[in-house]
Amino acid sequence: MALPLRLPIEPMLARAVPAVPDPDHPGQFSYEPKWDGFRCLAARDGSDVTLWSRSRRPLTDYFPEVADAVRRHLPPQVVVDGEIVVRTGEPGAERLDWEALSLRIHPAARRVRERAALTPAELVCFDLLALADVDLTPLPYATRRDALTQLLDGLPPEAGLHLTRATTHPAEARAWFERFEGAGLDGVVAKRTDAPYTPGRRTMLKIKHERTADAVVIGYGLSRNGSGVGSLHLGLYDDGALVHVGGIGAFPDAARAQLAGVLAPLVLTGAEADAAPRPNEVSRLGPRDFVPIRPDLVVEVAFDQLEGKRFRHAVTFRRWRPDREPESCLLEQVERAPAYDLAAVLRG
């Protein structure tokens, strides 16, 4: 028996909306937590298991423990849509760990094995695309959800496979939006219960957290072609010391060339450059070609979460803040979500 879908396919996507939508009639939407991990289509065909990324690249070699969980706990012919996540923290105070998840993508097999043992990944499932020789994508989401629930019913937490929570009540979804952020989740997704699965189309709705903060520009990275500024690296003061907290990676091409001229007089050299704060090895923007500058400029950015002493993802430029003193940009003043136990989200 072969799978009824030709893989890989693009997953169904979501478009952003400002708030959790109210239904026009009861049961119109199914609301789910928005998991912040690596989107993954997991396919099993007999003993063969393949994990596909959102961009249709194989993830199987990076997450052998997830592939093994699919092989052990799912039927011989199946395709599920979900999110690969890594958790951290003590029991009762767990949360998603984006940095640990990012470090799982490594070309060396030895490092993959080490990281799999140190920071095991899990798959949170939220859709069922195929089962046995049946293509489920034309069916309504409510039907696919029922089948997925039956498929995963009874699996123990240690299986490494989880069924995401879902509700048809917008008030409950709004409560999740507020509470679950403290466990590292980044919003809520709304799906029409009568809709088929639409690969590559933005037919779901997503509601994400967004905050703003003022930060100090501590340096920049060159663009890929070596011309102009590719990224800005940011810092915040923590107990009097300026620490690297992330950066801005998206600028129009015209702005990149202009930024190089603005930043050139601030570039540090010699001992000053050696003493300047700089990105570490796990920076998502990367330490290569990092050019430290004098910390004179303040910028307002939009971000989703501050995790430890870092913005969880690359932040978005909002505006320059010439009215702010760099020393006033304090780590302790950045808004954080109240902590919430990830295990409580998964148990639901």
Protein backbone atom coordinates (compact mmCIF):
# COMPACT_ATOMS: atom_id res chain seq x y z
CA MET A 1 0.00 0.00 0.00
CA ALA A 2 1.37 3.41 -0.95
CA LEU A 3 0.52 6.80 0.49
CA PRO A 4 -2.31 8.55 -1.39
CA LEU A 5 -0.46 11.90 -1.38
CA ARG A 6 2.54 12.80 -3.50
CA LEU A 7 5.06 14.24 -1.05
CA PRO A 8 6.44 16.65 -0.23
CA ILE A 9 3.61 19.18 -0.32
CA GLU A 10 3.42 22.68 1.12
CA PRO A 11 1.55 22.86 4.42
CA MET A 12 -1.60 24.92 4.79
CA LEU A 13 -0.69 28.43 5.98
CA ALA A 14 -2.28 31.25 8.00
CA ARG A 15 -2.72 34.98 7.53
CA ALA A 16 -2.43 37.39 10.41
CA VAL A 17 -5.48 39.08 11.92
CA PRO A 18 -5.50 41.53 14.85
CA ALA A 19 -7.76 39.60 17.24
CA VAL A 20 -9.40 36.23 17.88
CA PRO A 21 -12.37 36.23 15.47
CA ASP A 22 -15.92 35.68 16.64
CA PRO A 23 -17.87 33.10 14.63
CA ASP A 24 -20.87 34.01 12.51
CA HIS A 25 -22.54 30.86 13.79
CA PRO A 26 -21.69 28.29 16.52
CA GLY A 27 -18.91 25.90 15.58
CA GLN A 28 -17.70 27.90 12.59
CA PHE A 29 -14.12 28.03 13.91
CA SER A 30 -11.86 25.62 15.72
CA TYR A 31 -9.31 27.55 17.80
CA GLU A 32 -5.89 26.12 18.70
CA PRO A 33 -2.76 27.32 20.49
CA LYS A 34 -0.09 28.56 18.08
CA TRP A 35 3.05 26.52 18.69
CA ASP A 36 6.40 28.20 18.15
CA GLY A 37 8.62 25.50 16.67
CA PHE A 38 9.46 23.99 13.29
CA ARG A 39 6.45 23.23 11.09
CA CYS A 40 6.59 19.59 10.08
CA LEU A 41 4.69 17.19 7.85
CA ALA A 42 5.43 13.69 9.16
CA ALA A 43 4.82 10.78 6.79
CA ARG A 44 5.07 7.07 7.52
CA ASP A 45 4.95 4.48 4.76
CA GLY A 46 5.69 1.13 6.38
CA SER A 47 9.11 1.32 8.02
CA ASP A 48 10.00 4.50 6.11
CA VAL A 49 9.42 7.77 7.96
CA THR A 50 10.15 11.21 6.50
CA LEU A 51 9.81 14.58 8.20
CA TRP A 52 9.30 17.52 5.83
CA SER A 53 9.76 21.20 6.69
CA ARG A 54 7.46 24.04 5.64
CA SER A 55 9.81 24.68 2.69
CA ARG A 56 9.59 20.97 1.73
CA ARG A 57 13.10 20.12 2.91
CA PRO A 58 13.73 16.89 4.84
CA LEU A 59 14.12 17.21 8.61
CA THR A 60 14.39 13.48 9.33
CA ASP A 61 18.15 13.38 9.93
CA TYR A 62 17.97 16.27 12.41
CA PHE A 63 15.21 14.76 14.55
CA PRO A 64 15.69 10.97 14.66
CA GLU A 65 13.76 10.68 17.92
CA VAL A 66 10.68 12.27 16.32
CA ALA A 67 10.92 9.93 13.34
CA ASP A 68 11.20 7.00 15.75
CA ALA A 69 8.11 8.16 17.67
CA VAL A 70 6.12 8.32 14.42
CA ARG A 71 7.34 4.85 13.49
CA ARG A 72 6.42 3.36 16.88
CA HIS A 73 3.09 5.04 17.56
CA LEU A 74 1.38 5.89 14.26
CA PRO A 75 -0.21 3.52 11.70
CA PRO A 76 1.84 2.10 8.81
CA GLN A 77 0.45 4.57 6.24
CA VAL A 78 -0.19 8.05 7.58
CA VAL A 79 0.60 11.75 7.05
CA VAL A 80 0.19 14.25 9.89
CA ASP A 81 0.75 18.00 10.07
CA GLY A 82 2.30 19.42 13.21
CA GLU A 83 5.08 21.36 14.91
CA ILE A 84 8.40 20.07 16.22
CA VAL A 85 9.15 21.61 19.62
CA VAL A 86 11.73 21.32 22.38
CA ARG A 87 10.84 21.96 26.01
CA THR A 88 13.00 23.10 28.89
CA GLY A 89 12.63 23.74 32.62
CA GLU A 90 11.84 21.79 35.76
CA PRO A 91 8.58 19.81 36.10
CA GLY A 92 5.80 22.27 36.85
CA ALA A 93 7.67 25.15 35.21
CA GLU A 94 8.38 23.96 31.67
CA ARG A 95 8.30 26.09 28.53
CA LEU A 96 9.25 25.94 24.87
CA ASP A 97 12.95 26.46 24.17
CA TRP A 98 13.48 28.06 20.77
CA GLU A 99 17.26 28.35 21.11
CA ALA A 100 17.65 24.64 21.91
CA LEU A 101 15.41 23.80 18.95
CA SER A 102 17.46 26.01 16.60
CA LEU A 103 20.66 24.25 17.63
CA ARG A 104 19.22 20.91 16.51
CA ILE A 105 19.86 21.84 12.86
CA HIS A 106 23.49 20.73 12.51
CA PRO A 107 25.31 19.01 9.62
CA ALA A 108 27.37 16.68 11.84
CA ALA A 109 25.66 13.39 12.73
CA ARG A 110 27.56 13.19 16.01
CA ARG A 111 26.23 16.59 17.12
CA VAL A 112 22.72 15.57 16.09
CA ARG A 113 22.93 12.48 18.33
CA GLU A 114 24.32 14.52 21.22
CA ARG A 115 21.62 17.17 20.93
CA ALA A 116 18.87 14.58 20.55
CA ALA A 117 19.92 13.09 23.89
CA LEU A 118 20.39 16.47 25.57
CA THR A 119 17.33 18.30 24.18
CA PRO A 120 14.88 15.72 22.79
CA ALA A 121 12.25 17.06 20.42
CA GLU A 122 8.55 16.22 20.32
CA LEU A 123 5.84 16.53 17.69
CA VAL A 124 2.61 18.40 18.45
CA CYS A 125 0.05 17.22 15.88
CA PHE A 126 -2.82 19.39 14.64
CA ASP A 127 -4.03 17.88 11.36
CA LEU A 128 -4.38 14.53 9.61
CA LEU A 129 -3.80 14.53 5.84
CA ALA A 130 -3.83 10.84 4.94
CA LEU A 131 -4.59 7.51 6.57
CA ALA A 132 -4.06 4.12 4.90
CA ASP A 133 -4.98 4.66 1.23
CA VAL A 134 -7.37 7.57 1.88
CA ASP A 135 -6.51 11.19 1.04
CA LEU A 136 -8.22 13.21 3.78
CA THR A 137 -7.32 16.69 2.50
CA PRO A 138 -10.67 17.25 0.68
CA LEU A 139 -12.63 16.52 3.87
CA PRO A 140 -13.79 19.22 6.32
CA TYR A 141 -11.36 20.07 9.08
CA ALA A 142 -13.84 18.88 11.74
CA THR A 143 -13.76 15.40 10.20
CA ARG A 144 -9.96 15.38 10.02
CA ARG A 145 -9.74 16.56 13.63
CA ASP A 146 -12.02 13.75 14.83
CA ALA A 147 -9.90 11.18 13.00
CA LEU A 148 -6.67 12.65 14.42
CA THR A 149 -8.13 12.59 17.93
CA GLN A 150 -8.96 8.90 17.60
CA LEU A 151 -5.50 8.21 16.17
CA LEU A 152 -3.63 9.78 19.10
CA ASP A 153 -6.07 8.89 21.86
CA GLY A 154 -4.42 7.08 24.73
CA LEU A 155 -0.80 7.87 23.88
CA PRO A 156 1.27 8.49 27.05
CA PRO A 157 3.02 11.87 27.46
CA GLU A 158 6.42 10.21 27.07
CA ALA A 159 5.51 8.99 23.56
CA GLY A 160 6.84 12.22 22.08
CA LEU A 161 3.63 12.77 20.08
CA HIS A 162 0.90 15.13 21.28
CA LEU A 163 -2.53 16.19 20.09
CA THR A 164 -2.88 19.96 20.23
CA ARG A 165 -5.72 21.41 22.26
CA ALA A 166 -8.73 22.77 20.38
CA THR A 167 -11.95 24.60 21.25
CA THR A 168 -14.89 26.09 19.40
CA HIS A 169 -15.36 28.80 22.07
CA PRO A 170 -13.69 32.15 21.25
CA ALA A 171 -13.66 33.19 24.93
CA GLU A 172 -11.57 30.14 25.78
CA ALA A 173 -9.26 30.88 22.86
CA ARG A 174 -8.74 34.44 24.16
CA ALA A 175 -7.86 33.03 27.57
CA TRP A 176 -5.32 30.71 25.92
CA PHE A 177 -3.88 33.68 24.06
CA GLU A 178 -3.11 35.38 27.37
CA ARG A 179 -2.08 32.39 29.50
CA PHE A 180 -0.14 30.14 27.15
CA GLU A 181 2.32 32.83 26.14
CA GLY A 182 3.99 32.25 29.50
CA ALA A 183 4.86 28.73 28.32
CA GLY A 184 6.52 30.01 25.14
CA LEU A 185 3.59 29.77 22.74
CA ASP A 186 3.06 32.77 20.52
CA GLY A 187 -0.65 33.11 19.90
CA VAL A 188 -3.78 31.37 18.63
CA VAL A 189 -4.82 29.87 15.28
CA ALA A 190 -8.40 29.79 14.00
CA LYS A 191 -9.52 27.23 11.39
CA ARG A 192 -12.86 26.93 9.65
CA THR A 193 -14.35 23.61 10.68
CA ASP A 194 -15.95 23.09 7.24
CA ALA A 195 -12.78 23.81 5.23
CA PRO A 196 -10.62 21.30 3.33
CA TYR A 197 -6.85 21.20 3.68
CA THR A 198 -5.37 23.72 1.24
CA PRO A 199 -1.61 23.23 0.69
CA GLY A 200 0.33 26.48 0.35
CA ARG A 201 -2.72 28.72 0.81
CA ARG A 202 -3.31 31.08 3.74
CA THR A 203 -6.76 29.86 4.66
CA MET A 204 -6.21 29.76 8.43
CA LEU A 205 -6.12 32.82 10.70
CA LYS A 206 -3.36 33.55 13.21
CA ILE A 207 -3.32 35.96 16.10
CA LYS A 208 0.17 36.68 17.44
CA HIS A 209 1.58 38.66 20.32
CA GLU A 210 3.43 41.86 19.53
CA ARG A 211 5.15 44.29 21.88
CA THR A 212 7.55 47.17 21.42
CA ALA A 213 10.81 48.04 23.15
CA ASP A 214 13.61 50.56 22.82
CA ALA A 215 17.08 49.07 22.34
CA VAL A 216 20.62 50.25 21.64
CA VAL A 217 22.30 49.54 18.30
CA ILE A 218 25.64 47.89 19.18
CA GLY A 219 26.78 46.82 15.71
CA TYR A 220 25.82 45.57 12.31
CA GLY A 221 26.39 42.68 9.94
CA LEU A 222 27.14 42.98 6.25
CA SER A 223 24.57 41.99 3.67
CA ARG A 224 25.11 38.70 1.87
CA ASN A 225 26.59 40.38 -1.16
CA GLY A 226 28.93 42.39 1.05
CA SER A 227 27.36 45.71 0.06
CA GLY A 228 25.50 47.67 2.70
CA VAL A 229 24.10 46.70 6.07
CA GLY A 230 22.49 43.27 6.31
CA SER A 231 21.39 43.37 9.94
CA LEU A 232 21.47 45.53 13.04
CA HIS A 233 22.52 43.99 16.35
CA LEU A 234 20.86 45.29 19.49
CA GLY A 235 21.72 45.54 23.16
CA LEU A 236 20.05 46.36 26.46
CA TYR A 237 21.64 47.38 29.76
CA ASP A 238 21.58 44.71 32.47
CA ASP A 239 23.10 45.65 35.86
CA GLY A 240 25.09 48.40 34.14
CA ALA A 241 26.49 46.16 31.38
CA LEU A 242 25.34 46.28 27.76
CA VAL A 243 24.35 42.77 26.64
CA HIS A 244 23.48 41.52 23.17
CA VAL A 245 19.75 40.70 22.92
CA GLY A 246 19.14 40.00 19.22
CA GLY A 247 18.73 42.02 16.09
CA ILE A 248 16.88 43.35 13.08
CA GLY A 249 17.36 41.39 9.88
CA ALA A 250 14.88 42.86 7.37
CA PHE A 251 15.46 46.18 5.58
CA PRO A 252 14.60 47.51 2.11
CA ASP A 253 17.61 47.50 -0.24
CA ALA A 254 17.68 51.30 -0.38
CA ALA A 255 17.84 51.52 3.40
CA ARG A 256 20.80 49.10 3.59
CA ALA A 257 23.09 51.43 1.65
CA GLN A 258 21.94 54.47 3.63
CA LEU A 259 22.54 52.73 6.93
CA ALA A 260 26.17 52.04 6.04
CA GLY A 261 26.79 55.77 5.69
CA VAL A 262 24.98 56.59 8.95
CA LEU A 263 26.88 53.95 10.95
CA ALA A 264 30.36 54.48 9.45
CA PRO A 265 31.38 57.32 11.87
CA LEU A 266 30.42 55.13 14.85
CA VAL A 267 32.51 52.06 13.95
CA LEU A 268 34.85 50.95 16.76
CA THR A 269 38.39 49.73 16.20
CA GLY A 270 41.27 48.34 18.23
CA ALA A 271 40.79 47.87 21.97
CA GLU A 272 37.36 49.53 21.93
CA ALA A 273 36.13 47.01 19.38
CA ASP A 274 37.57 44.11 21.38
CA ALA A 275 35.72 45.27 24.52
CA ALA A 276 32.38 45.87 22.81
CA PRO A 277 29.44 43.50 23.36
CA ARG A 278 28.90 41.16 20.44
CA PRO A 279 26.66 38.26 19.37
CA ASN A 280 27.46 34.81 20.69
CA GLU A 281 27.55 31.55 18.75
CA VAL A 282 23.79 30.92 19.00
CA SER A 283 22.74 34.26 17.52
CA ARG A 284 20.12 33.72 14.84
CA LEU A 285 21.54 36.64 12.87
CA GLY A 286 25.04 35.15 13.14
CA PRO A 287 28.35 36.61 14.38
CA ARG A 288 30.04 36.60 10.98
CA ASP A 289 31.17 39.98 9.67
CA PHE A 290 29.96 41.64 12.86
CA VAL A 291 31.03 45.31 12.96
CA PRO A 292 30.84 46.85 16.47
CA ILE A 293 29.80 50.49 16.76
CA ARG A 294 29.65 53.08 19.51
CA PRO A 295 26.35 52.55 21.39
CA ASP A 296 24.86 55.97 20.66
CA LEU A 297 21.76 55.09 18.64
CA VAL A 298 18.42 53.97 20.07
CA VAL A 299 15.78 52.23 17.97
CA GLU A 300 12.21 51.16 18.72
CA VAL A 301 11.45 47.60 17.65
CA ALA A 302 8.45 45.28 17.66
CA PHE A 303 8.94 41.81 19.11
CA ASP A 304 6.90 38.83 20.23
CA GLN A 305 8.72 37.53 23.31
CA LEU A 306 11.83 38.09 25.39
CA GLU A 307 13.28 34.71 26.35
CA GLY A 308 15.93 34.99 29.05
CA LYS A 309 18.10 37.85 27.88
CA ARG A 310 17.26 37.56 24.16
CA PHE A 311 14.43 38.41 21.82
CA ARG A 312 13.04 35.07 20.75
CA HIS A 313 13.06 35.92 17.04
CA ALA A 314 14.53 38.65 14.88
CA VAL A 315 12.68 41.86 15.69
CA THR A 316 11.04 44.43 13.38
CA PHE A 317 12.21 48.00 12.95
CA ARG A 318 9.64 50.61 13.99
CA ARG A 319 11.44 53.98 14.25
CA TRP A 320 14.57 55.71 15.49
CA ARG A 321 14.41 57.19 19.00
CA PRO A 322 16.75 60.23 19.11
CA ASP A 323 14.90 61.35 22.23
CA ARG A 324 16.08 58.34 24.28
CA GLU A 325 19.40 58.04 26.07
CA PRO A 326 21.04 54.64 25.43
CA GLU A 327 21.61 54.09 29.16
CA SER A 328 17.85 54.27 29.72
CA CYS A 329 17.25 51.10 27.65
CA LEU A 330 17.12 48.55 30.45
CA LEU A 331 16.52 44.82 30.17
CA GLU A 332 14.38 44.85 33.30
CA GLN A 333 11.91 47.26 31.72
CA VAL A 334 11.02 45.00 28.78
CA GLU A 335 7.58 43.42 29.19
CA ARG A 336 7.49 39.66 29.78
CA ALA A 337 4.58 37.23 29.86
CA PRO A 338 3.77 35.63 33.26
CA ALA A 339 5.15 32.09 33.43
CA TYR A 340 2.82 29.18 32.60
CA ASP A 341 3.65 25.48 32.66
CA LEU A 342 3.99 23.93 29.20
CA ALA A 343 3.01 20.50 30.52
CA ALA A 344 -0.37 21.96 31.47
CA VAL A 345 -0.87 23.06 27.85
CA LEU A 346 0.03 19.62 26.51
CA ARG A 347 -2.08 17.74 29.06
CA GLY A 348 -5.19 19.53 27.89
